[in-house]
Amino acid sequence: MPAEGAGPLGGDWVSGERVFGPPVGTFDADWLVPVVREAVPEASHERAREAVVGVWAVLREEAAHRGCAPADVPADVVASRLGLSSGPAGAAPDRVDEAALTAVRAAVRAYGAR
């Protein structure tokens, strides 16, 4: 019998062990956390999830404002809203937010999340 909180095939949903993505048309922030943490290993689970949720929120807001699908929102618009394209002189953009932006945009295109 799988452990409490385990997925239907054992393991858990945030370990990165799943083979399949979320159902087409849906968005699962926890599914993308391992992708962000692979890109930025020092990121905590909580910080990676916060970044994924933040990017998804901006994508949805911009899509609603522009009357388009989230996949059609330009990356530079989202980056600007997240403060990734403009910051104090010499300040490096947040790597976790950058990784989340890349992961979320790829997932949105792949799974048609709305």
N, C-alpha and C. Protein backbone atom coordinates (compact mmCIF):
# COMPACT_ATOMS: atom_id res chain seq x y z
N MET A 1 0.85 -1.18 0.00
CA MET A 1 0.00 0.00 0.00
C MET A 1 0.89 1.24 0.00
N PRO A 2 0.62 2.23 -0.91
CA PRO A 2 1.44 3.42 -0.96
C PRO A 2 1.34 4.22 0.34
N ALA A 3 2.40 4.96 0.62
CA ALA A 3 2.42 5.81 1.81
C ALA A 3 1.40 6.93 1.68
N GLU A 4 1.00 7.47 2.83
CA GLU A 4 0.05 8.58 2.82
C GLU A 4 0.62 9.73 1.99
N GLY A 5 -0.21 10.31 1.13
CA GLY A 5 0.22 11.39 0.26
C GLY A 5 0.90 10.91 -1.01
N ALA A 6 1.03 9.62 -1.14
CA ALA A 6 1.69 9.07 -2.32
C ALA A 6 0.76 9.11 -3.52
N GLY A 7 1.33 9.20 -4.68
CA GLY A 7 0.55 9.15 -5.91
C GLY A 7 0.04 7.75 -6.15
N PRO A 8 -0.78 7.56 -7.16
CA PRO A 8 -1.40 6.26 -7.40
C PRO A 8 -0.40 5.16 -7.75
N LEU A 9 0.78 5.50 -8.18
CA LEU A 9 1.78 4.51 -8.53
C LEU A 9 2.90 4.46 -7.51
N GLY A 10 2.68 5.04 -6.32
CA GLY A 10 3.72 5.11 -5.32
C GLY A 10 4.53 6.38 -5.51
N GLY A 11 5.42 6.66 -4.61
CA GLY A 11 6.19 7.90 -4.70
C GLY A 11 5.30 9.08 -4.39
N ASP A 12 5.80 10.26 -4.58
CA ASP A 12 4.97 11.43 -4.36
C ASP A 12 4.96 12.30 -5.60
N TRP A 13 4.07 13.24 -5.62
CA TRP A 13 3.87 14.04 -6.83
C TRP A 13 4.91 15.13 -7.02
N VAL A 14 5.78 15.36 -6.06
CA VAL A 14 6.76 16.43 -6.21
C VAL A 14 8.20 15.92 -6.24
N SER A 15 8.38 14.63 -6.36
CA SER A 15 9.73 14.07 -6.33
C SER A 15 10.44 14.15 -7.67
N GLY A 16 9.71 14.44 -8.73
CA GLY A 16 10.31 14.46 -10.06
C GLY A 16 10.33 13.09 -10.70
N GLU A 17 9.73 12.11 -10.07
CA GLU A 17 9.76 10.74 -10.57
C GLU A 17 8.63 10.42 -11.55
N ARG A 18 7.69 11.33 -11.73
CA ARG A 18 6.57 11.04 -12.61
C ARG A 18 7.00 11.00 -14.07
N VAL A 19 6.37 10.16 -14.83
CA VAL A 19 6.69 10.04 -16.24
C VAL A 19 5.77 10.93 -17.05
N PHE A 20 4.53 11.06 -16.64
CA PHE A 20 3.54 11.80 -17.40
C PHE A 20 3.34 13.17 -16.81
N GLY A 21 2.94 14.12 -17.64
CA GLY A 21 2.63 15.46 -17.17
C GLY A 21 1.19 15.56 -16.72
N PRO A 22 0.80 16.75 -16.29
CA PRO A 22 -0.59 16.95 -15.89
C PRO A 22 -1.52 16.79 -17.11
N PRO A 23 -2.80 16.56 -16.87
CA PRO A 23 -3.73 16.42 -18.00
C PRO A 23 -3.71 17.67 -18.89
N VAL A 24 -3.90 17.47 -20.16
CA VAL A 24 -3.92 18.58 -21.11
C VAL A 24 -4.96 19.60 -20.66
N GLY A 25 -4.57 20.87 -20.71
CA GLY A 25 -5.47 21.96 -20.35
C GLY A 25 -5.40 22.35 -18.89
N THR A 26 -4.55 21.68 -18.11
CA THR A 26 -4.44 22.01 -16.69
C THR A 26 -3.03 22.47 -16.36
N PHE A 27 -2.87 23.05 -15.20
CA PHE A 27 -1.57 23.50 -14.73
C PHE A 27 -1.34 22.95 -13.33
N ASP A 28 -0.20 22.34 -13.11
CA ASP A 28 0.14 21.76 -11.82
C ASP A 28 1.49 22.34 -11.40
N ALA A 29 1.47 23.31 -10.48
CA ALA A 29 2.70 23.97 -10.04
C ALA A 29 3.68 22.97 -9.44
N ASP A 30 3.18 22.01 -8.67
CA ASP A 30 4.08 21.04 -8.03
C ASP A 30 4.82 20.17 -9.03
N TRP A 31 4.24 19.96 -10.18
CA TRP A 31 4.89 19.16 -11.20
C TRP A 31 6.13 19.86 -11.74
N LEU A 32 6.16 21.19 -11.69
CA LEU A 32 7.29 21.95 -12.24
C LEU A 32 8.38 22.26 -11.23
N VAL A 33 8.11 22.07 -9.96
CA VAL A 33 9.12 22.37 -8.94
C VAL A 33 10.42 21.60 -9.19
N PRO A 34 10.38 20.30 -9.48
CA PRO A 34 11.64 19.59 -9.73
C PRO A 34 12.42 20.15 -10.93
N VAL A 35 11.72 20.67 -11.92
CA VAL A 35 12.39 21.26 -13.08
C VAL A 35 13.16 22.50 -12.65
N VAL A 36 12.53 23.33 -11.85
CA VAL A 36 13.19 24.55 -11.37
C VAL A 36 14.37 24.19 -10.48
N ARG A 37 14.18 23.21 -9.61
CA ARG A 37 15.26 22.82 -8.69
C ARG A 37 16.41 22.14 -9.42
N GLU A 38 16.13 21.52 -10.55
CA GLU A 38 17.22 20.96 -11.34
C GLU A 38 18.07 22.09 -11.92
N ALA A 39 17.42 23.16 -12.37
CA ALA A 39 18.14 24.30 -12.94
C ALA A 39 18.88 25.10 -11.86
N VAL A 40 18.29 25.15 -10.66
CA VAL A 40 18.87 25.91 -9.54
C VAL A 40 18.85 25.00 -8.31
N PRO A 41 19.83 24.10 -8.20
CA PRO A 41 19.81 23.09 -7.14
C PRO A 41 19.74 23.65 -5.72
N GLU A 42 20.25 24.82 -5.50
CA GLU A 42 20.22 25.38 -4.15
C GLU A 42 18.86 25.96 -3.76
N ALA A 43 17.94 26.02 -4.69
CA ALA A 43 16.60 26.54 -4.39
C ALA A 43 15.83 25.55 -3.53
N SER A 44 15.17 26.05 -2.52
CA SER A 44 14.33 25.19 -1.70
C SER A 44 13.05 24.85 -2.47
N HIS A 45 12.39 23.79 -2.03
CA HIS A 45 11.12 23.42 -2.65
C HIS A 45 10.13 24.59 -2.56
N GLU A 46 10.06 25.21 -1.40
CA GLU A 46 9.11 26.30 -1.18
C GLU A 46 9.39 27.48 -2.10
N ARG A 47 10.68 27.85 -2.24
CA ARG A 47 11.04 28.99 -3.10
C ARG A 47 10.75 28.67 -4.56
N ALA A 48 11.07 27.44 -4.99
CA ALA A 48 10.80 27.06 -6.38
C ALA A 48 9.31 27.08 -6.66
N ARG A 49 8.51 26.56 -5.74
CA ARG A 49 7.06 26.55 -5.93
C ARG A 49 6.50 27.97 -5.96
N GLU A 50 7.00 28.82 -5.07
CA GLU A 50 6.58 30.23 -5.05
C GLU A 50 6.86 30.90 -6.39
N ALA A 51 8.02 30.62 -6.96
CA ALA A 51 8.37 31.21 -8.26
C ALA A 51 7.46 30.69 -9.37
N VAL A 52 7.19 29.39 -9.37
CA VAL A 52 6.31 28.81 -10.39
C VAL A 52 4.92 29.42 -10.30
N VAL A 53 4.39 29.49 -9.09
CA VAL A 53 3.04 30.06 -8.89
C VAL A 53 3.03 31.52 -9.31
N GLY A 54 4.08 32.26 -9.01
CA GLY A 54 4.16 33.67 -9.39
C GLY A 54 4.17 33.87 -10.90
N VAL A 55 4.95 33.06 -11.59
CA VAL A 55 5.00 33.15 -13.05
C VAL A 55 3.64 32.80 -13.65
N TRP A 56 3.02 31.74 -13.15
CA TRP A 56 1.72 31.33 -13.65
C TRP A 56 0.68 32.43 -13.44
N ALA A 57 0.71 33.08 -12.30
CA ALA A 57 -0.24 34.17 -12.03
C ALA A 57 -0.05 35.32 -13.01
N VAL A 58 1.19 35.68 -13.27
CA VAL A 58 1.46 36.77 -14.22
C VAL A 58 1.02 36.37 -15.62
N LEU A 59 1.32 35.14 -16.03
CA LEU A 59 0.90 34.68 -17.36
C LEU A 59 -0.62 34.75 -17.51
N ARG A 60 -1.33 34.29 -16.50
CA ARG A 60 -2.80 34.30 -16.57
C ARG A 60 -3.35 35.73 -16.61
N GLU A 61 -2.80 36.61 -15.78
CA GLU A 61 -3.25 38.00 -15.77
C GLU A 61 -3.00 38.67 -17.13
N GLU A 62 -1.81 38.47 -17.66
CA GLU A 62 -1.48 39.08 -18.95
C GLU A 62 -2.33 38.49 -20.08
N ALA A 63 -2.57 37.19 -20.02
CA ALA A 63 -3.40 36.55 -21.04
C ALA A 63 -4.82 37.12 -21.01
N ALA A 64 -5.36 37.29 -19.82
CA ALA A 64 -6.71 37.85 -19.69
C ALA A 64 -6.74 39.30 -20.18
N HIS A 65 -5.72 40.03 -19.83
CA HIS A 65 -5.64 41.45 -20.25
C HIS A 65 -5.52 41.57 -21.77
N ARG A 66 -4.75 40.68 -22.37
CA ARG A 66 -4.51 40.74 -23.82
C ARG A 66 -5.53 39.96 -24.63
N GLY A 67 -6.35 39.16 -23.96
CA GLY A 67 -7.34 38.35 -24.67
C GLY A 67 -6.72 37.23 -25.48
N CYS A 68 -5.69 36.61 -24.92
CA CYS A 68 -5.01 35.53 -25.63
C CYS A 68 -4.77 34.37 -24.67
N ALA A 69 -4.24 33.30 -25.19
CA ALA A 69 -3.87 32.16 -24.36
C ALA A 69 -2.59 32.48 -23.60
N PRO A 70 -2.38 31.90 -22.42
CA PRO A 70 -1.14 32.14 -21.68
C PRO A 70 0.12 31.83 -22.50
N ALA A 71 0.04 30.84 -23.37
CA ALA A 71 1.20 30.48 -24.20
C ALA A 71 1.58 31.59 -25.17
N ASP A 72 0.63 32.50 -25.45
CA ASP A 72 0.89 33.56 -26.41
C ASP A 72 1.39 34.86 -25.78
N VAL A 73 1.51 34.89 -24.46
CA VAL A 73 2.03 36.08 -23.79
C VAL A 73 3.54 36.11 -24.00
N PRO A 74 4.08 37.22 -24.51
CA PRO A 74 5.52 37.30 -24.75
C PRO A 74 6.33 37.13 -23.47
N ALA A 75 7.42 36.38 -23.57
CA ALA A 75 8.28 36.12 -22.41
C ALA A 75 8.82 37.42 -21.82
N ASP A 76 9.14 38.40 -22.67
CA ASP A 76 9.71 39.64 -22.15
C ASP A 76 8.70 40.43 -21.31
N VAL A 77 7.42 40.29 -21.61
CA VAL A 77 6.38 40.94 -20.81
C VAL A 77 6.35 40.33 -19.41
N VAL A 78 6.38 39.01 -19.35
CA VAL A 78 6.36 38.34 -18.06
C VAL A 78 7.64 38.65 -17.29
N ALA A 79 8.77 38.60 -17.97
CA ALA A 79 10.05 38.91 -17.32
C ALA A 79 10.04 40.31 -16.74
N SER A 80 9.50 41.25 -17.48
CA SER A 80 9.42 42.63 -17.00
C SER A 80 8.54 42.73 -15.76
N ARG A 81 7.39 42.08 -15.79
CA ARG A 81 6.48 42.10 -14.63
C ARG A 81 7.11 41.46 -13.40
N LEU A 82 7.98 40.48 -13.61
CA LEU A 82 8.64 39.80 -12.50
C LEU A 82 9.90 40.53 -12.05
N GLY A 83 10.26 41.59 -12.77
CA GLY A 83 11.47 42.33 -12.42
C GLY A 83 12.75 41.66 -12.89
N LEU A 84 12.63 40.76 -13.87
CA LEU A 84 13.80 40.06 -14.36
C LEU A 84 14.55 40.85 -15.42
N SER A 85 13.88 41.76 -16.08
CA SER A 85 14.53 42.49 -17.15
C SER A 85 15.02 43.86 -16.71
N SER A 86 14.61 44.29 -15.54
CA SER A 86 15.08 45.58 -15.06
C SER A 86 15.29 45.50 -13.56
N GLY A 87 16.43 45.82 -13.16
CA GLY A 87 16.75 45.79 -11.74
C GLY A 87 17.82 46.82 -11.46
N PRO A 88 18.27 46.90 -10.24
CA PRO A 88 19.35 47.84 -9.92
C PRO A 88 20.56 47.55 -10.80
N ALA A 89 21.28 48.59 -11.14
CA ALA A 89 22.45 48.44 -12.00
C ALA A 89 23.39 47.38 -11.44
N GLY A 90 23.75 46.43 -12.27
CA GLY A 90 24.68 45.39 -11.88
C GLY A 90 24.05 44.24 -11.12
N ALA A 91 22.77 44.34 -10.77
CA ALA A 91 22.12 43.25 -10.04
C ALA A 91 21.77 42.13 -11.01
N ALA A 92 22.07 40.92 -10.62
CA ALA A 92 21.74 39.77 -11.45
C ALA A 92 20.27 39.41 -11.24
N PRO A 93 19.58 39.03 -12.30
CA PRO A 93 18.18 38.59 -12.15
C PRO A 93 18.12 37.36 -11.25
N ASP A 94 17.00 37.16 -10.62
CA ASP A 94 16.79 36.01 -9.74
C ASP A 94 16.78 34.73 -10.58
N ARG A 95 17.71 33.83 -10.33
CA ARG A 95 17.84 32.61 -11.12
C ARG A 95 16.64 31.68 -10.94
N VAL A 96 16.05 31.68 -9.75
CA VAL A 96 14.89 30.82 -9.51
C VAL A 96 13.72 31.32 -10.34
N ASP A 97 13.48 32.63 -10.34
CA ASP A 97 12.40 33.19 -11.15
C ASP A 97 12.64 32.95 -12.64
N GLU A 98 13.88 33.09 -13.07
CA GLU A 98 14.20 32.83 -14.48
C GLU A 98 13.91 31.37 -14.85
N ALA A 99 14.34 30.45 -13.99
CA ALA A 99 14.10 29.03 -14.25
C ALA A 99 12.60 28.73 -14.25
N ALA A 100 11.88 29.36 -13.34
CA ALA A 100 10.43 29.16 -13.28
C ALA A 100 9.76 29.68 -14.55
N LEU A 101 10.20 30.83 -15.02
CA LEU A 101 9.64 31.40 -16.25
C LEU A 101 9.85 30.43 -17.42
N THR A 102 11.04 29.92 -17.55
CA THR A 102 11.34 28.97 -18.63
C THR A 102 10.48 27.72 -18.51
N ALA A 103 10.41 27.16 -17.30
CA ALA A 103 9.66 25.92 -17.08
C ALA A 103 8.16 26.12 -17.30
N VAL A 104 7.62 27.19 -16.77
CA VAL A 104 6.18 27.44 -16.89
C VAL A 104 5.80 27.67 -18.34
N ARG A 105 6.57 28.48 -19.05
CA ARG A 105 6.24 28.74 -20.46
C ARG A 105 6.31 27.44 -21.28
N ALA A 106 7.29 26.60 -21.02
CA ALA A 106 7.39 25.34 -21.75
C ALA A 106 6.20 24.43 -21.43
N ALA A 107 5.82 24.37 -20.17
CA ALA A 107 4.68 23.52 -19.78
C ALA A 107 3.38 24.05 -20.36
N VAL A 108 3.22 25.35 -20.35
CA VAL A 108 1.99 25.95 -20.88
C VAL A 108 1.87 25.64 -22.37
N ARG A 109 2.97 25.73 -23.09
CA ARG A 109 2.93 25.41 -24.53
C ARG A 109 2.67 23.92 -24.73
N ALA A 110 3.32 23.08 -23.94
CA ALA A 110 3.20 21.63 -24.12
C ALA A 110 1.82 21.10 -23.73
N TYR A 111 1.23 21.65 -22.68
CA TYR A 111 -0.01 21.09 -22.15
C TYR A 111 -1.23 21.98 -22.40
N GLY A 112 -1.03 23.13 -23.03
CA GLY A 112 -2.17 23.98 -23.35
C GLY A 112 -2.92 24.49 -22.13
N ALA A 113 -2.21 24.69 -21.04
CA ALA A 113 -2.85 25.15 -19.80
C ALA A 113 -3.48 26.52 -19.99
N ARG A 114 -4.63 26.67 -19.40
CA ARG A 114 -5.34 27.94 -19.46
C ARG A 114 -5.64 28.35 -18.07
